[in-house]
PDB file of N, CA and C in Angstrom:
ATOM      1  N   MET A   1     -89.399  65.531 -55.875  1.00  0.00           N
ATOM      2  CA  MET A   1     -89.192  64.109 -55.794  1.00  0.00           C
ATOM      3  C   MET A   1     -89.069  63.712 -54.319  1.00  0.00           C
ATOM      4  N   THR A   2     -89.764  62.678 -53.931  1.00  0.00           N
ATOM      5  CA  THR A   2     -89.701  62.202 -52.556  1.00  0.00           C
ATOM      6  C   THR A   2     -88.637  61.131 -52.434  1.00  0.00           C
ATOM      7  N   VAL A   3     -87.820  61.268 -51.408  1.00  0.00           N
ATOM      8  CA  VAL A   3     -86.744  60.306 -51.164  1.00  0.00           C
ATOM      9  C   VAL A   3     -87.295  59.152 -50.351  1.00  0.00           C
ATOM     10  N   LYS A   4     -86.949  57.947 -50.754  1.00  0.00           N
ATOM     11  CA  LYS A   4     -87.336  56.768 -49.985  1.00  0.00           C
ATOM     12  C   LYS A   4     -86.583  56.796 -48.651  1.00  0.00           C
ATOM     13  N   GLN A   5     -87.333  56.748 -47.574  1.00  0.00           N
ATOM     14  CA  GLN A   5     -86.729  56.736 -46.250  1.00  0.00           C
ATOM     15  C   GLN A   5     -86.106  55.360 -46.000  1.00  0.00           C
ATOM     16  N   LEU A   6     -84.862  55.352 -45.584  1.00  0.00           N
ATOM     17  CA  LEU A   6     -84.201  54.098 -45.254  1.00  0.00           C
ATOM     18  C   LEU A   6     -84.727  53.567 -43.929  1.00  0.00           C
ATOM     19  N   LYS A   7     -84.613  52.290 -43.753  1.00  0.00           N
ATOM     20  CA  LYS A   7     -84.970  51.649 -42.495  1.00  0.00           C
ATOM     21  C   LYS A   7     -83.697  51.166 -41.826  1.00  0.00           C
ATOM     22  N   LEU A   8     -83.799  50.800 -40.561  1.00  0.00           N
ATOM     23  CA  LEU A   8     -82.628  50.378 -39.789  1.00  0.00           C
ATOM     24  C   LEU A   8     -81.904  49.213 -40.472  1.00  0.00           C
ATOM     25  N   GLU A   9     -82.657  48.282 -41.010  1.00  0.00           N
ATOM     26  CA  GLU A   9     -82.039  47.127 -41.679  1.00  0.00           C
ATOM     27  C   GLU A   9     -81.252  47.555 -42.916  1.00  0.00           C
ATOM     28  N   ASP A  10     -81.729  48.587 -43.635  1.00  0.00           N
ATOM     29  CA  ASP A  10     -80.998  49.109 -44.796  1.00  0.00           C
ATOM     30  C   ASP A  10     -79.635  49.646 -44.379  1.00  0.00           C
ATOM     31  N   VAL A  11     -79.626  50.413 -43.292  1.00  0.00           N
ATOM     32  CA  VAL A  11     -78.369  50.990 -42.806  1.00  0.00           C
ATOM     33  C   VAL A  11     -77.448  49.890 -42.293  1.00  0.00           C
ATOM     34  N   ARG A  12     -78.017  48.912 -41.602  1.00  0.00           N
ATOM     35  CA  ARG A  12     -77.199  47.796 -41.111  1.00  0.00           C
ATOM     36  C   ARG A  12     -76.534  47.073 -42.277  1.00  0.00           C
ATOM     37  N   ASN A  13     -77.272  46.846 -43.356  1.00  0.00           N
ATOM     38  CA  ASN A  13     -76.697  46.174 -44.528  1.00  0.00           C
ATOM     39  C   ASN A  13     -75.611  47.021 -45.186  1.00  0.00           C
ATOM     40  N   MET A  14     -75.844  48.325 -45.304  1.00  0.00           N
ATOM     41  CA  MET A  14     -74.830  49.204 -45.891  1.00  0.00           C
ATOM     42  C   MET A  14     -73.569  49.210 -45.035  1.00  0.00           C
ATOM     43  N   ALA A  15     -73.729  49.280 -43.715  1.00  0.00           N
ATOM     44  CA  ALA A  15     -72.577  49.284 -42.811  1.00  0.00           C
ATOM     45  C   ALA A  15     -71.808  47.974 -42.917  1.00  0.00           C
ATOM     46  N   THR A  16     -72.523  46.877 -42.986  1.00  0.00           N
ATOM     47  CA  THR A  16     -71.872  45.570 -43.116  1.00  0.00           C
ATOM     48  C   THR A  16     -71.101  45.473 -44.429  1.00  0.00           C
ATOM     49  N   ASP A  17     -71.666  46.023 -45.497  1.00  0.00           N
ATOM     50  CA  ASP A  17     -71.008  45.987 -46.807  1.00  0.00           C
ATOM     51  C   ASP A  17     -69.651  46.673 -46.799  1.00  0.00           C
ATOM     52  N   ILE A  18     -69.486  47.685 -45.942  1.00  0.00           N
ATOM     53  CA  ILE A  18     -68.197  48.387 -45.901  1.00  0.00           C
ATOM     54  C   ILE A  18     -67.365  47.993 -44.686  1.00  0.00           C
ATOM     55  N   GLY A  19     -67.757  46.905 -44.020  1.00  0.00           N
ATOM     56  CA  GLY A  19     -66.941  46.367 -42.938  1.00  0.00           C
ATOM     57  C   GLY A  19     -67.226  46.926 -41.555  1.00  0.00           C
ATOM     58  N   MET A  20     -68.277  47.709 -41.404  1.00  0.00           N
ATOM     59  CA  MET A  20     -68.616  48.277 -40.093  1.00  0.00           C
ATOM     60  C   MET A  20     -69.561  47.307 -39.376  1.00  0.00           C
ATOM     61  N   THR A  21     -68.996  46.207 -38.914  1.00  0.00           N
ATOM     62  CA  THR A  21     -69.811  45.127 -38.362  1.00  0.00           C
ATOM     63  C   THR A  21     -69.976  45.200 -36.850  1.00  0.00           C
ATOM     64  N   HIS A  22     -69.319  46.119 -36.191  1.00  0.00           N
ATOM     65  CA  HIS A  22     -69.374  46.180 -34.728  1.00  0.00           C
ATOM     66  C   HIS A  22     -70.200  47.353 -34.208  1.00  0.00           C
ATOM     67  N   LEU A  23     -71.074  47.913 -35.038  1.00  0.00           N
ATOM     68  CA  LEU A  23     -71.897  49.029 -34.597  1.00  0.00           C
ATOM     69  C   LEU A  23     -73.046  48.528 -33.728  1.00  0.00           C
ATOM     70  N   THR A  24     -73.330  49.281 -32.676  1.00  0.00           N
ATOM     71  CA  THR A  24     -74.465  48.945 -31.820  1.00  0.00           C
ATOM     72  C   THR A  24     -75.748  49.436 -32.475  1.00  0.00           C
ATOM     73  N   THR A  25     -76.881  49.034 -31.934  1.00  0.00           N
ATOM     74  CA  THR A  25     -78.167  49.505 -32.455  1.00  0.00           C
ATOM     75  C   THR A  25     -78.272  51.015 -32.321  1.00  0.00           C
ATOM     76  N   ALA A  26     -77.754  51.566 -31.221  1.00  0.00           N
ATOM     77  CA  ALA A  26     -77.776  53.023 -31.040  1.00  0.00           C
ATOM     78  C   ALA A  26     -76.959  53.714 -32.130  1.00  0.00           C
ATOM     79  N   HIS A  27     -75.796  53.159 -32.478  1.00  0.00           N
ATOM     80  CA  HIS A  27     -74.975  53.729 -33.550  1.00  0.00           C
ATOM     81  C   HIS A  27     -75.720  53.672 -34.879  1.00  0.00           C
ATOM     82  N   LEU A  28     -76.348  52.547 -35.148  1.00  0.00           N
ATOM     83  CA  LEU A  28     -77.079  52.387 -36.400  1.00  0.00           C
ATOM     84  C   LEU A  28     -78.262  53.346 -36.481  1.00  0.00           C
ATOM     85  N   GLN A  29     -78.941  53.568 -35.365  1.00  0.00           N
ATOM     86  CA  GLN A  29     -80.061  54.508 -35.355  1.00  0.00           C
ATOM     87  C   GLN A  29     -79.578  55.931 -35.619  1.00  0.00           C
ATOM     88  N   GLU A  30     -78.435  56.275 -35.044  1.00  0.00           N
ATOM     89  CA  GLU A  30     -77.861  57.606 -35.288  1.00  0.00           C
ATOM     90  C   GLU A  30     -77.474  57.763 -36.759  1.00  0.00           C
ATOM     91  N   LEU A  31     -76.858  56.734 -37.312  1.00  0.00           N
ATOM     92  CA  LEU A  31     -76.474  56.743 -38.719  1.00  0.00           C
ATOM     93  C   LEU A  31     -77.715  56.807 -39.616  1.00  0.00           C
ATOM     94  N   LEU A  32     -78.773  56.128 -39.232  1.00  0.00           N
ATOM     95  CA  LEU A  32     -80.025  56.163 -39.981  1.00  0.00           C
ATOM     96  C   LEU A  32     -80.611  57.572 -40.011  1.00  0.00           C
ATOM     97  N   ARG A  33     -80.662  58.217 -38.861  1.00  0.00           N
ATOM     98  CA  ARG A  33     -81.192  59.591 -38.807  1.00  0.00           C
ATOM     99  C   ARG A  33     -80.350  60.531 -39.665  1.00  0.00           C
ATOM    100  N   ALA A  34     -79.043  60.430 -39.541  1.00  0.00           N
ATOM    101  CA  ALA A  34     -78.152  61.319 -40.287  1.00  0.00           C
ATOM    102  C   ALA A  34     -78.255  61.074 -41.793  1.00  0.00           C
ATOM    103  N   THR A  35     -78.322  59.821 -42.194  1.00  0.00           N
ATOM    104  CA  THR A  35     -78.395  59.485 -43.615  1.00  0.00           C
ATOM    105  C   THR A  35     -79.705  59.949 -44.217  1.00  0.00           C
ATOM    106  N   ASN A  36     -80.808  59.708 -43.528  1.00  0.00           N
ATOM    107  CA  ASN A  36     -82.107  60.161 -44.044  1.00  0.00           C
ATOM    108  C   ASN A  36     -82.165  61.683 -44.134  1.00  0.00           C
ATOM    109  N   ALA A  37     -81.604  62.377 -43.158  1.00  0.00           N
ATOM    110  CA  ALA A  37     -81.593  63.839 -43.194  1.00  0.00           C
ATOM    111  C   ALA A  37     -80.730  64.347 -44.352  1.00  0.00           C
ATOM    112  N   ALA A  38     -79.562  63.750 -44.549  1.00  0.00           N
ATOM    113  CA  ALA A  38     -78.669  64.178 -45.633  1.00  0.00           C
ATOM    114  C   ALA A  38     -79.307  63.931 -46.998  1.00  0.00           C
ATOM    115  N   ARG A  39     -79.969  62.806 -47.161  1.00  0.00           N
ATOM    116  CA  ARG A  39     -80.627  62.500 -48.434  1.00  0.00           C
ATOM    117  C   ARG A  39     -81.764  63.479 -48.709  1.00  0.00           C
ATOM    118  N   ALA A  40     -82.516  63.836 -47.682  1.00  0.00           N
ATOM    119  CA  ALA A  40     -83.614  64.789 -47.861  1.00  0.00           C
ATOM    120  C   ALA A  40     -83.083  66.167 -48.246  1.00  0.00           C
ATOM    121  N   ARG A  41     -82.010  66.602 -47.608  1.00  0.00           N
ATOM    122  CA  ARG A  41     -81.415  67.908 -47.930  1.00  0.00           C
ATOM    123  C   ARG A  41     -80.830  67.915 -49.330  1.00  0.00           C
ATOM    124  N   ARG A  42     -80.182  66.822 -49.697  1.00  0.00           N
ATOM    125  CA  ARG A  42     -79.573  66.727 -51.026  1.00  0.00           C
ATOM    126  C   ARG A  42     -80.623  66.900 -52.113  1.00  0.00           C
ATOM    127  N   ASP A  43     -81.785  66.318 -51.919  1.00  0.00           N
ATOM    128  CA  ASP A  43     -82.819  66.400 -52.939  1.00  0.00           C
ATOM    129  C   ASP A  43     -83.457  67.779 -53.031  1.00  0.00           C
ATOM    130  N   LEU A  44     -83.259  68.628 -52.030  1.00  0.00           N
ATOM    131  CA  LEU A  44     -83.782  69.988 -52.082  1.00  0.00           C
ATOM    132  C   LEU A  44     -82.878  70.925 -52.886  1.00  0.00           C
ATOM    133  N   LEU A  45     -81.639  70.517 -53.120  1.00  0.00           N
ATOM    134  CA  LEU A  45     -80.703  71.352 -53.866  1.00  0.00           C
ATOM    135  C   LEU A  45     -81.123  71.432 -55.335  1.00  0.00           C
ATOM    136  N   GLN A  46     -81.011  72.611 -55.899  1.00  0.00           N
ATOM    137  CA  GLN A  46     -81.330  72.817 -57.309  1.00  0.00           C
ATOM    138  C   GLN A  46     -80.081  72.536 -58.135  1.00  0.00           C
ATOM    139  N   ALA A  47     -79.659  71.285 -58.174  1.00  0.00           N
ATOM    140  CA  ALA A  47     -78.403  70.920 -58.820  1.00  0.00           C
ATOM    141  C   ALA A  47     -78.539  70.672 -60.318  1.00  0.00           C
ATOM    142  N   ALA A  48     -79.739  70.541 -60.820  1.00  0.00           N
ATOM    143  CA  ALA A  48     -79.928  70.207 -62.233  1.00  0.00           C
ATOM    144  C   ALA A  48     -79.387  71.285 -63.163  1.00  0.00           C
ATOM    145  N   THR A  49     -79.378  72.525 -62.714  1.00  0.00           N
ATOM    146  CA  THR A  49     -78.940  73.615 -63.590  1.00  0.00           C
ATOM    147  C   THR A  49     -77.503  74.061 -63.312  1.00  0.00           C
ATOM    148  N   LEU A  50     -76.814  73.395 -62.404  1.00  0.00           N
ATOM    149  CA  LEU A  50     -75.440  73.789 -62.092  1.00  0.00           C
ATOM    150  C   LEU A  50     -74.494  73.400 -63.228  1.00  0.00           C
ATOM    151  N   THR A  51     -73.461  74.221 -63.412  1.00  0.00           N
ATOM    152  CA  THR A  51     -72.421  73.928 -64.390  1.00  0.00           C
ATOM    153  C   THR A  51     -71.080  73.883 -63.672  1.00  0.00           C
ATOM    154  N   TYR A  52     -70.039  73.524 -64.387  1.00  0.00           N
ATOM    155  CA  TYR A  52     -68.708  73.489 -63.784  1.00  0.00           C
ATOM    156  C   TYR A  52     -68.288  74.865 -63.271  1.00  0.00           C
ATOM    157  N   ALA A  53     -68.768  75.920 -63.897  1.00  0.00           N
ATOM    158  CA  ALA A  53     -68.422  77.279 -63.479  1.00  0.00           C
ATOM    159  C   ALA A  53     -69.010  77.614 -62.112  1.00  0.00           C
ATOM    160  N   ASP A  54     -70.016  76.877 -61.673  1.00  0.00           N
ATOM    161  CA  ASP A  54     -70.617  77.111 -60.364  1.00  0.00           C
ATOM    162  C   ASP A  54     -69.808  76.492 -59.228  1.00  0.00           C
ATOM    163  N   GLU A  55     -68.873  75.629 -59.557  1.00  0.00           N
ATOM    164  CA  GLU A  55     -68.036  74.977 -58.544  1.00  0.00           C
ATOM    165  C   GLU A  55     -66.991  75.975 -58.048  1.00  0.00           C
ATOM    166  N   PRO A  56     -66.886  76.180 -56.731  1.00  0.00           N
ATOM    167  CA  PRO A  56     -65.875  77.119 -56.236  1.00  0.00           C
ATOM    168  C   PRO A  56     -64.467  76.572 -56.480  1.00  0.00           C
ATOM    169  N   ALA A  57     -63.576  77.456 -56.820  1.00  0.00           N
ATOM    170  CA  ALA A  57     -62.188  77.068 -57.051  1.00  0.00           C
ATOM    171  C   ALA A  57     -61.354  77.495 -55.852  1.00  0.00           C
ATOM    172  N   HIS A  58     -60.656  76.555 -55.273  1.00  0.00           N
ATOM    173  CA  HIS A  58     -59.771  76.847 -54.143  1.00  0.00           C
ATOM    174  C   HIS A  58     -58.333  76.708 -54.634  1.00  0.00           C
ATOM    175  N   LEU A  59     -57.569  77.773 -54.481  1.00  0.00           N
ATOM    176  CA  LEU A  59     -56.184  77.762 -54.934  1.00  0.00           C
ATOM    177  C   LEU A  59     -55.266  77.835 -53.731  1.00  0.00           C
ATOM    178  N   PHE A  60     -54.296  76.941 -53.689  1.00  0.00           N
ATOM    179  CA  PHE A  60     -53.336  76.911 -52.603  1.00  0.00           C
ATOM    180  C   PHE A  60     -51.940  76.894 -53.191  1.00  0.00           C
ATOM    181  N   SER A  61     -51.009  77.534 -52.499  1.00  0.00           N
ATOM    182  CA  SER A  61     -49.623  77.537 -52.940  1.00  0.00           C
ATOM    183  C   SER A  61     -48.738  77.123 -51.789  1.00  0.00           C
ATOM    184  N   LEU A  62     -47.839  76.191 -52.059  1.00  0.00           N
ATOM    185  CA  LEU A  62     -46.895  75.750 -51.040  1.00  0.00           C
ATOM    186  C   LEU A  62     -45.558  76.464 -51.158  1.00  0.00           C
ATOM    187  N   MET A  63     -45.444  77.350 -52.135  1.00  0.00           N
ATOM    188  CA  MET A  63     -44.193  78.062 -52.343  1.00  0.00           C
ATOM    189  C   MET A  63     -44.105  79.234 -51.371  1.00  0.00           C
ATOM    190  N   PRO A  64     -42.975  79.371 -50.669  1.00  0.00           N
ATOM    191  CA  PRO A  64     -42.833  80.487 -49.717  1.00  0.00           C
ATOM    192  C   PRO A  64     -42.872  81.825 -50.468  1.00  0.00           C
ATOM    193  N   GLY A  65     -43.496  82.810 -49.826  1.00  0.00           N
ATOM    194  CA  GLY A  65     -43.546  84.140 -50.398  1.00  0.00           C
ATOM    195  C   GLY A  65     -44.732  84.352 -51.331  1.00  0.00           C
ATOM    196  N   HIS A  66     -45.514  83.335 -51.584  1.00  0.00           N
ATOM    197  CA  HIS A  66     -46.653  83.478 -52.478  1.00  0.00           C
ATOM    198  C   HIS A  66     -47.979  83.551 -51.719  1.00  0.00           C
ATOM    199  N   ALA A  67     -47.921  83.482 -50.424  1.00  0.00           N
ATOM    200  CA  ALA A  67     -49.162  83.546 -49.640  1.00  0.00           C
ATOM    201  C   ALA A  67     -49.668  84.989 -49.617  1.00  0.00           C
ATOM    202  N   LYS A  68     -50.923  85.169 -49.771  1.00  0.00           N
ATOM    203  CA  LYS A  68     -51.505  86.515 -49.763  1.00  0.00           C
ATOM    204  C   LYS A  68     -52.625  86.589 -48.783  1.00  0.00           C
TER     205      LYS A  68
END
């Protein structure tokens, strides 16, 4: 599946929607590059066959003496 590449105006609208109204054009261009790259990488992941068992489990304990 090919991801639709965002344009600068798309990123500007998304930033405005979440209150990021003071970004310069350089900031928006950087955000555009990063967003397009992240979307392209996301679509390469074989996520359709993943199950809950594939999610890594991280266990943390705040009780003293239980750290290993």
